[in-house]
Protein backbone atom coordinates (compact mmCIF):
# COMPACT_ATOMS: atom_id res chain seq x y z
CA MET A 1 32.83 20.34 47.32
CA ASN A 2 32.49 23.32 45.15
CA GLU A 3 34.52 21.65 42.40
CA LYS A 4 32.00 18.73 42.38
CA ARG A 5 29.00 21.19 42.26
CA PHE A 6 30.62 22.96 39.43
CA SER A 7 31.22 19.63 37.28
CA GLU A 8 27.68 18.73 37.99
CA ASN A 9 26.47 22.19 36.82
CA LYS A 10 28.46 21.91 33.90
CA PHE A 11 27.24 18.49 33.02
CA ALA A 12 23.62 19.68 33.35
CA ARG A 13 24.37 22.63 31.02
CA ARG A 14 25.75 20.45 28.35
CA PHE A 15 22.61 17.84 28.71
CA TYR A 16 20.22 20.82 28.36
CA LEU A 17 22.18 22.33 25.52
CA LEU A 18 22.11 18.93 23.70
CA ASN A 19 18.18 18.35 24.16
CA PHE A 20 17.90 22.24 22.81
CA TYR A 21 19.99 21.17 19.59
CA VAL A 22 18.08 17.84 19.20
CA THR A 23 14.80 19.77 19.53
CA ILE A 24 15.81 22.42 16.87
CA LEU A 25 16.82 19.43 14.62
CA LEU A 26 13.41 17.37 14.89
CA SER A 27 11.48 20.65 14.36
CA ALA A 28 13.63 21.11 11.07
CA ALA A 29 13.10 17.77 10.01
CA ILE A 30 9.26 17.90 10.61
CA PHE A 31 8.96 21.26 8.87
CA ILE A 32 11.07 19.95 5.82
CA SER A 33 8.61 16.88 5.76
CA ILE A 34 5.62 18.99 5.81
CA TYR A 35 6.99 21.16 3.29
CA GLN A 36 7.93 18.57 0.77
CA PHE A 37 5.29 16.16 1.24
CA GLY A 38 2.30 18.28 1.88
CA GLY A 39 1.60 17.11 5.39
CA GLU A 40 1.49 13.47 4.70
CA THR A 41 3.38 12.84 7.62
CA TRP A 42 1.01 14.28 10.09
CA HIS A 43 -2.12 12.89 8.25
CA GLY A 44 -1.40 9.08 9.03
CA LYS A 45 -3.45 6.91 6.51
CA THR A 46 -2.96 7.13 2.62
CA GLN A 47 -6.15 8.74 1.37
CA VAL A 48 -7.51 7.56 -1.88
CA ALA A 49 -10.09 9.45 -3.92
CA LEU A 50 -13.03 7.83 -5.75
CA ILE A 51 -14.84 10.15 -8.25
CA LEU A 52 -18.48 9.22 -9.01
CA PRO A 53 -20.74 10.38 -11.74
CA GLY A 54 -23.77 9.70 -9.17
CA GLU A 55 -24.30 8.88 -5.55
CA LYS A 56 -22.38 5.91 -3.87
CA GLU A 57 -25.45 3.99 -2.68
CA GLU A 58 -27.12 4.10 -6.25
CA LEU A 59 -27.45 0.52 -7.50
CA GLY A 60 -25.50 -0.12 -10.59
CA TRP A 61 -22.56 1.47 -11.71
CA ASN A 62 -22.01 3.78 -8.77
CA LYS A 63 -22.34 1.30 -5.78
CA SER A 64 -20.29 -1.45 -7.50
CA GLN A 65 -17.54 1.00 -7.84
CA TYR A 66 -17.90 2.29 -4.47
CA LEU A 67 -18.02 -1.21 -2.64
CA ALA A 68 -15.12 -2.38 -4.72
CA LEU A 69 -12.57 0.27 -3.78
CA ARG A 70 -13.84 0.59 -0.14
CA ASN A 71 -13.07 -3.00 0.39
CA VAL A 72 -9.36 -2.83 -1.39
CA CYS A 73 -8.91 0.49 0.85
CA GLU A 74 -9.85 -1.22 4.11
CA LYS A 75 -7.56 -4.20 3.05
CA ASN A 76 -4.73 -1.80 2.55
CA ASP A 77 -5.45 0.42 5.65
CA CYS A 78 -6.15 3.20 3.47
CA GLU A 79 -8.92 6.15 3.95
CA LEU A 80 -11.55 6.54 1.14
CA VAL A 81 -12.48 9.78 0.24
CA ILE A 82 -15.66 9.89 -2.04
CA LYS A 83 -16.62 12.62 -4.46
CA GLU A 84 -20.23 12.26 -5.79
CA ASN A 85 -22.10 13.62 -8.70
CA VAL A 86 -19.06 14.77 -10.62
CA PRO A 87 -19.70 15.64 -14.41
CA SER A 88 -17.03 14.07 -16.60
CA ASP A 89 -15.79 17.18 -18.34
CA TYR A 90 -12.35 18.70 -17.75
CA ILE A 91 -13.12 21.65 -15.46
CA SER A 92 -15.23 19.45 -13.11
CA SER A 93 -12.32 16.70 -12.82
CA ARG A 94 -9.74 19.21 -12.46
CA LYS A 95 -11.64 21.17 -9.69
CA VAL A 96 -11.97 17.71 -7.61
CA VAL A 97 -8.28 17.26 -7.85
CA GLU A 98 -7.21 20.86 -6.88
CA GLU A 99 -9.72 20.51 -3.82
CA LEU A 100 -8.50 17.20 -2.63
CA SER A 101 -4.84 17.63 -3.29
CA LYS A 102 -4.68 20.33 -0.88
CA ASN A 103 -5.76 18.07 1.86
CA ASN A 104 -3.02 15.38 1.07
CA VAL A 105 -5.01 13.21 -1.39
CA TYR A 106 -2.81 12.17 -4.09
CA TYR A 107 -4.23 8.79 -5.49
CA PHE A 108 -7.55 9.45 -7.70
CA TYR A 109 -9.74 6.90 -9.42
CA PHE A 110 -12.16 8.51 -12.03
CA THR A 111 -15.29 6.61 -12.60
CA ASN A 112 -17.25 9.61 -14.00
CA GLY A 113 -16.09 9.27 -17.66
CA CYS A 114 -12.99 11.72 -17.55
CA LYS A 115 -11.49 11.48 -20.85
CA LEU A 116 -7.97 10.20 -21.02
CA SER A 117 -6.72 13.31 -22.70
CA ASP A 118 -8.21 15.56 -19.88
CA LEU A 119 -6.92 13.10 -17.08
CA LYS A 120 -3.32 13.27 -18.69
CA ARG A 121 -3.56 17.17 -18.72
CA ILE A 122 -4.62 17.16 -15.23
CA SER A 123 -1.89 14.96 -14.34
CA GLY A 124 0.63 17.21 -16.13
CA GLU A 125 -0.73 20.20 -13.79
CA PHE A 126 -0.65 18.33 -10.63
CA PRO A 127 2.52 16.02 -10.84
CA LYS A 128 2.19 14.52 -7.27
CA ILE A 129 -0.85 12.86 -8.15
CA SER A 130 -1.34 9.38 -9.28
CA ALA A 131 -4.61 9.06 -11.36
CA SER A 132 -6.80 6.58 -13.28
CA THR A 133 -9.80 6.87 -15.31
CA ILE A 134 -12.28 4.47 -16.79
CA GLU A 135 -12.95 6.60 -19.82
CA SER A 136 -14.87 3.55 -20.84
CA ILE A 137 -14.84 -0.21 -20.00
CA SER A 138 -13.03 -0.89 -23.08
CA VAL A 139 -10.18 1.38 -22.22
CA LEU A 140 -9.42 1.56 -18.84
CA TRP A 141 -6.21 3.96 -18.07
CA ALA A 142 -3.86 3.29 -15.19
CA ARG A 143 -0.45 4.43 -16.31
CA GLY A 144 -1.05 2.41 -19.35
CA ARG A 145 -3.86 0.91 -20.91
CA CYS A 146 -6.11 -1.97 -20.32
CA SER A 147 -9.33 -3.39 -21.66
CA ILE A 148 -12.17 -5.02 -19.70
CA LEU A 149 -13.86 -7.28 -21.88
CA ALA A 150 -17.43 -6.66 -20.85
CA PHE A 151 -18.84 -7.26 -24.32
CA GLU A 152 -18.23 -10.96 -23.78
CA GLY A 153 -21.08 -10.86 -20.88
CA SER A 154 -23.19 -9.06 -23.55
CA TYR A 155 -22.63 -11.99 -26.16
CA LEU A 156 -23.71 -14.50 -23.28
CA ALA A 157 -26.74 -11.95 -22.57
CA GLY A 158 -27.63 -12.52 -26.29
CA ILE A 159 -27.40 -16.36 -25.92
CA LEU A 160 -29.78 -16.01 -23.13
CA ALA A 161 -32.09 -13.60 -24.47
CA GLY A 162 -32.34 -15.46 -28.22
CA THR A 163 -33.11 -18.48 -26.15
CA ARG A 164 -35.87 -17.15 -23.89
CA THR A 165 -37.80 -14.91 -26.17
CA LYS A 166 -41.15 -16.24 -27.25
CA THR A 167 -42.25 -13.09 -29.42
CA ASN A 168 -38.74 -13.28 -31.32
CA LYS A 169 -38.14 -9.72 -30.20
CA VAL A 170 -35.51 -8.66 -27.70
CA GLY A 171 -34.49 -5.17 -26.96
CA TYR A 172 -31.34 -3.25 -25.84
CA ILE A 173 -31.33 -0.01 -23.96
CA ALA A 174 -28.34 2.26 -24.52
CA PRO A 175 -26.93 5.89 -23.74
CA PHE A 176 -25.39 6.73 -27.13
CA LYS A 177 -23.16 5.45 -29.77
CA ASP A 178 -19.51 5.25 -29.06
CA SER A 179 -17.12 2.31 -29.20
CA GLU A 180 -17.76 0.89 -25.95
CA VAL A 181 -21.67 0.83 -26.12
CA ASN A 182 -21.39 -0.38 -29.87
CA GLN A 183 -19.10 -3.26 -28.89
CA GLY A 184 -21.79 -4.34 -26.33
CA ILE A 185 -24.65 -4.01 -28.40
CA ASN A 186 -22.71 -5.83 -31.38
CA ALA A 187 -21.78 -8.55 -29.19
CA PHE A 188 -25.40 -8.88 -27.83
CA VAL A 189 -26.78 -9.04 -31.38
CA LEU A 190 -24.08 -11.81 -32.46
CA GLY A 191 -25.27 -13.87 -29.41
CA VAL A 192 -29.04 -13.73 -30.22
CA GLN A 193 -28.51 -14.52 -34.00
CA ARG A 194 -26.24 -17.57 -32.73
CA VAL A 195 -29.10 -19.25 -31.32
CA ASN A 196 -32.13 -17.54 -32.83
CA PRO A 197 -31.63 -16.15 -36.20
CA ASN A 198 -35.31 -15.21 -36.66
CA ALA A 199 -35.03 -12.80 -33.66
CA GLU A 200 -35.53 -9.18 -34.07
CA ILE A 201 -33.23 -6.78 -32.10
CA LEU A 202 -34.56 -3.66 -30.92
CA ILE A 203 -32.38 -0.61 -29.87
CA ASN A 204 -33.49 2.39 -28.05
CA TRP A 205 -31.34 5.39 -27.16
CA THR A 206 -31.60 7.33 -23.88
CA ASN A 207 -28.92 10.12 -24.64
CA SER A 208 -27.46 9.96 -21.32
CA TRP A 209 -25.76 7.23 -18.90
CA ASP A 210 -28.44 8.36 -16.18
CA ASN A 211 -31.73 9.87 -17.25
CA LYS A 212 -34.55 8.21 -15.56
CA SER A 213 -37.35 9.61 -17.55
CA GLU A 214 -35.79 8.53 -20.76
CA GLU A 215 -35.04 4.99 -19.49
CA MET A 216 -38.61 4.57 -18.24
CA GLN A 217 -39.76 5.60 -21.79
CA ALA A 218 -37.36 3.25 -23.47
CA VAL A 219 -38.72 0.31 -21.61
CA GLN A 220 -42.09 1.34 -22.62
CA ASN A 221 -41.44 1.82 -25.98
CA LEU A 222 -39.91 -1.63 -26.12
CA LYS A 223 -42.95 -3.12 -24.49
CA ALA A 224 -45.28 -1.45 -27.20
CA GLU A 225 -43.09 -3.51 -29.86
CA HIS A 226 -43.84 -6.66 -27.95
CA VAL A 227 -40.20 -7.03 -26.72
CA ASP A 228 -40.31 -9.71 -23.96
CA VAL A 229 -36.48 -9.80 -23.09
CA LEU A 230 -34.14 -7.05 -22.84
CA THR A 231 -30.78 -5.81 -21.50
CA TYR A 232 -29.24 -2.35 -21.03
CA HIS A 233 -25.98 -0.44 -20.64
CA GLN A 234 -27.18 2.30 -18.02
CA ASN A 235 -25.92 3.38 -14.89
CA GLY A 236 -28.54 2.83 -12.51
CA ASP A 237 -31.56 0.63 -11.62
CA THR A 238 -34.54 2.30 -13.51
CA VAL A 239 -34.39 -0.10 -16.52
CA PRO A 240 -34.60 -3.32 -14.45
CA ASN A 241 -37.27 -1.71 -12.17
CA THR A 242 -39.40 -0.55 -15.00
CA ALA A 243 -39.05 -3.91 -17.01
CA ARG A 244 -40.14 -5.77 -13.98
CA ASN A 245 -43.30 -3.65 -13.49
CA VAL A 246 -44.15 -3.78 -17.27
CA GLY A 247 -43.64 -7.57 -17.30
CA ILE A 248 -40.48 -7.87 -19.40
CA TYR A 249 -37.54 -10.21 -18.48
CA PHE A 250 -34.25 -8.46 -18.26
CA ILE A 251 -30.48 -9.09 -18.04
CA ALA A 252 -29.06 -6.92 -15.35
CA PHE A 253 -25.67 -4.89 -15.86
CA ASN A 254 -23.22 -4.23 -12.91
CA GLU A 255 -25.91 -5.39 -10.22
CA VAL A 256 -27.69 -8.40 -9.00
CA TYR A 257 -31.42 -8.80 -8.23
CA PRO A 258 -31.77 -12.07 -6.54
CA ASP A 259 -35.31 -11.27 -5.13
CA ASN A 260 -36.74 -10.16 -8.74
CA ASN A 261 -38.26 -12.81 -10.71
CA PHE A 262 -37.91 -11.04 -13.81
CA CYS A 263 -34.14 -10.77 -13.61
CA LEU A 264 -32.81 -13.88 -15.59
CA ALA A 265 -29.03 -13.01 -15.21
CA SER A 266 -26.28 -10.28 -14.35
CA ILE A 267 -23.38 -9.15 -16.39
CA LYS A 268 -20.85 -8.59 -13.56
CA ILE A 269 -17.21 -7.07 -13.51
CA ASP A 270 -14.98 -7.87 -10.63
CA TRP A 271 -14.09 -4.44 -9.93
CA GLN A 272 -12.61 -5.35 -6.61
CA THR A 273 -10.06 -7.43 -8.33
CA ILE A 274 -9.24 -4.71 -10.86
CA TYR A 275 -8.85 -2.05 -8.14
CA LYS A 276 -6.64 -4.35 -6.41
CA GLU A 277 -4.36 -4.74 -9.30
CA LEU A 278 -4.50 -0.92 -9.97
CA PHE A 279 -3.90 -0.04 -6.35
CA ARG A 280 -1.01 -2.58 -6.30
CA TYR A 281 0.82 -0.62 -8.88
CA LYS A 282 -0.56 2.93 -8.39
CA ASP A 283 2.77 4.52 -8.37
CA THR A 284 4.41 2.70 -11.41
CA SER A 285 3.75 1.88 -14.81
CA ALA A 286 3.50 -1.65 -14.12
CA ALA A 287 -0.42 -1.66 -14.20
CA SER A 288 -0.09 -1.68 -17.94
CA ARG A 289 0.46 -5.45 -17.53
CA LEU A 290 -3.26 -5.71 -17.09
CA THR A 291 -3.79 -5.54 -20.89
CA ALA A 292 -7.25 -7.30 -21.72
CA VAL A 293 -9.28 -8.98 -18.97
CA GLY A 294 -12.64 -10.94 -19.27
CA ILE A 295 -14.64 -14.21 -18.66
CA ASN A 296 -11.38 -16.27 -19.25
CA ASN A 297 -9.48 -15.03 -16.11
CA ASN A 298 -12.75 -14.29 -14.26
CA TYR A 299 -12.65 -10.68 -14.13
CA VAL A 300 -16.15 -10.70 -16.05
CA ASP A 301 -18.80 -12.96 -15.10
CA PHE A 302 -22.28 -13.81 -16.18
CA GLU A 303 -24.10 -14.81 -13.14
CA ILE A 304 -27.33 -16.62 -14.30
CA SER A 305 -30.48 -16.48 -11.84
CA GLU A 306 -32.60 -19.24 -10.24
CA TYR A 307 -35.55 -18.02 -12.72
CA ALA A 308 -33.81 -19.08 -15.68
CA THR A 309 -34.62 -22.59 -17.17
CA LYS A 310 -32.48 -25.61 -17.31
CA ARG A 311 -32.38 -25.30 -21.26
CA GLU A 312 -31.12 -21.48 -20.83
CA LYS A 313 -28.53 -22.48 -18.42
CA VAL A 314 -26.91 -25.26 -20.32
CA ALA A 315 -27.08 -22.71 -23.53
CA VAL A 316 -25.06 -20.29 -21.38
CA ASP A 317 -22.93 -22.52 -19.58
CA THR A 318 -21.76 -23.99 -23.11
CA VAL A 319 -20.75 -20.88 -24.46
CA LYS A 320 -19.21 -19.61 -21.49
CA TRP A 321 -16.80 -22.76 -21.64
CA GLU A 322 -16.08 -21.85 -25.19
CA ILE A 323 -15.19 -18.31 -24.20
CA LYS A 324 -12.93 -19.67 -21.36
CA ASN A 325 -11.31 -21.97 -24.10
CA GLY A 326 -10.42 -19.18 -26.46
CA ARG A 327 -13.66 -18.60 -28.52
CA ILE A 328 -13.36 -15.13 -30.20
CA ILE A 329 -16.65 -13.39 -30.53
CA PHE A 330 -15.92 -10.95 -33.40
CA ILE A 331 -15.07 -13.44 -36.07
CA GLY A 332 -16.26 -14.52 -39.52
CA ASP A 333 -18.43 -12.77 -41.79
CA ILE A 334 -19.89 -9.58 -40.11
CA TYR A 335 -21.92 -6.96 -41.84
CA ASP A 336 -23.03 -3.66 -40.57
CA ARG A 337 -26.57 -2.16 -41.05
CA ASN A 338 -25.78 -0.44 -44.31
CA GLY A 339 -24.47 -3.89 -45.61
CA VAL A 340 -20.67 -3.01 -45.29
CA LYS A 341 -18.32 -5.99 -44.45
CA LYS A 342 -16.46 -5.57 -41.27
CA CYS A 343 -15.15 -8.90 -40.91
CA SER A 344 -14.60 -11.70 -43.29
CA ALA A 345 -14.64 -15.43 -43.10
CA ASN A 346 -11.47 -16.96 -41.16
CA GLU A 347 -10.70 -13.21 -39.77
CA ALA A 348 -11.23 -11.67 -36.57
CA ILE A 349 -11.54 -8.01 -35.45
CA SER A 350 -8.72 -6.92 -33.51
CA LEU A 351 -9.17 -5.64 -29.81
CA ARG A 352 -7.44 -2.48 -30.98
CA SER A 353 -10.00 -2.01 -34.00
CA LEU A 354 -12.87 -2.80 -31.56
CA ASN A 355 -11.79 0.01 -29.16
CA GLU A 356 -11.05 2.78 -31.93
CA ASN A 357 -13.29 1.88 -34.53
CA THR A 358 -16.70 0.34 -33.57
CA ASP A 359 -18.56 3.28 -34.73
CA TRP A 360 -21.01 0.85 -36.38
CA LEU A 361 -23.93 -1.39 -35.53
CA ILE A 362 -24.10 -4.67 -36.84
CA LYS A 363 -26.88 -5.93 -39.41
CA GLY A 364 -29.99 -7.14 -37.95
CA VAL A 365 -30.84 -4.36 -35.34
CA ARG A 366 -33.78 -1.59 -35.59
CA ILE A 367 -33.76 1.57 -33.64
CA VAL A 368 -37.15 2.64 -31.78
CA GLY A 369 -37.95 5.60 -29.86
CA ASN A 370 -35.35 8.63 -30.20
């Protein structure tokens, strides 16, 4: 009887000892996991950060980015972390990465205009993060380069504006000169001139992506010049709201205004599909496969409203069909405002040149306001 009790006690001691060692090993594994991966094991869902220049509910650029990435995160069971009103400079962008990476956020999407050179520098300082930036729509960096051909939408906007105008004066409101902005303006001008060579194109600079007072004044300036149709390249909804108030038809950018009878159409970018692709390859260089996307593969669209006429819809649909079938926009004889030839007959301007060297505006535009 004593021998049996001794054997049972011995077995119990071995069992407890085994449990003790297993507990130590599990604790060590958990400690190493936390040390190596910054606590991701405990956090649960992967966290993805969206860095915005404004607030997520602002119509236009900010809301379109927010809704697109939110939907992609929901489908991938990830948690979306939002940082609003972040300036585009290096210090502000780095501060966000430093703050969020301490809370186990390693995937960053910068839509605040963070420069590619700054992002590469930040990525070097924080090697665990994976980050992309929309330095400009024409150069989207995601461990490689790709371009969103938004200027194809601007070309269609020019077709529509040139067809609609009764005063032969159309307007374009833009923040400042850079390659991306100039591409859109130049494509718009080519579209207008194709259908209405007698129309004058007036440009008003606002000197900012989001400056409500300057944008309101720009619309007023164009109204004073008898512009009756305009488009714009700004973040928010100040331009379309002001255009409606003063009675100017407009073509929206990055937003849809179905209840506004002055909205003729909207230039739309399928940000959800773009984020889906970037998200899919967020840990590799494979995202560079997304080289140039536009109307041809439905990443860019031009949604015409019910307030456009049948004639206008036919004009737009005809040119959209041409683009889907390979039409090149920057082709043939093109001159800048100083009379310098930028493209010759039977030639086309390459995408690389457009992205890197569009420091000029096309012949036929007039600057008003600032």
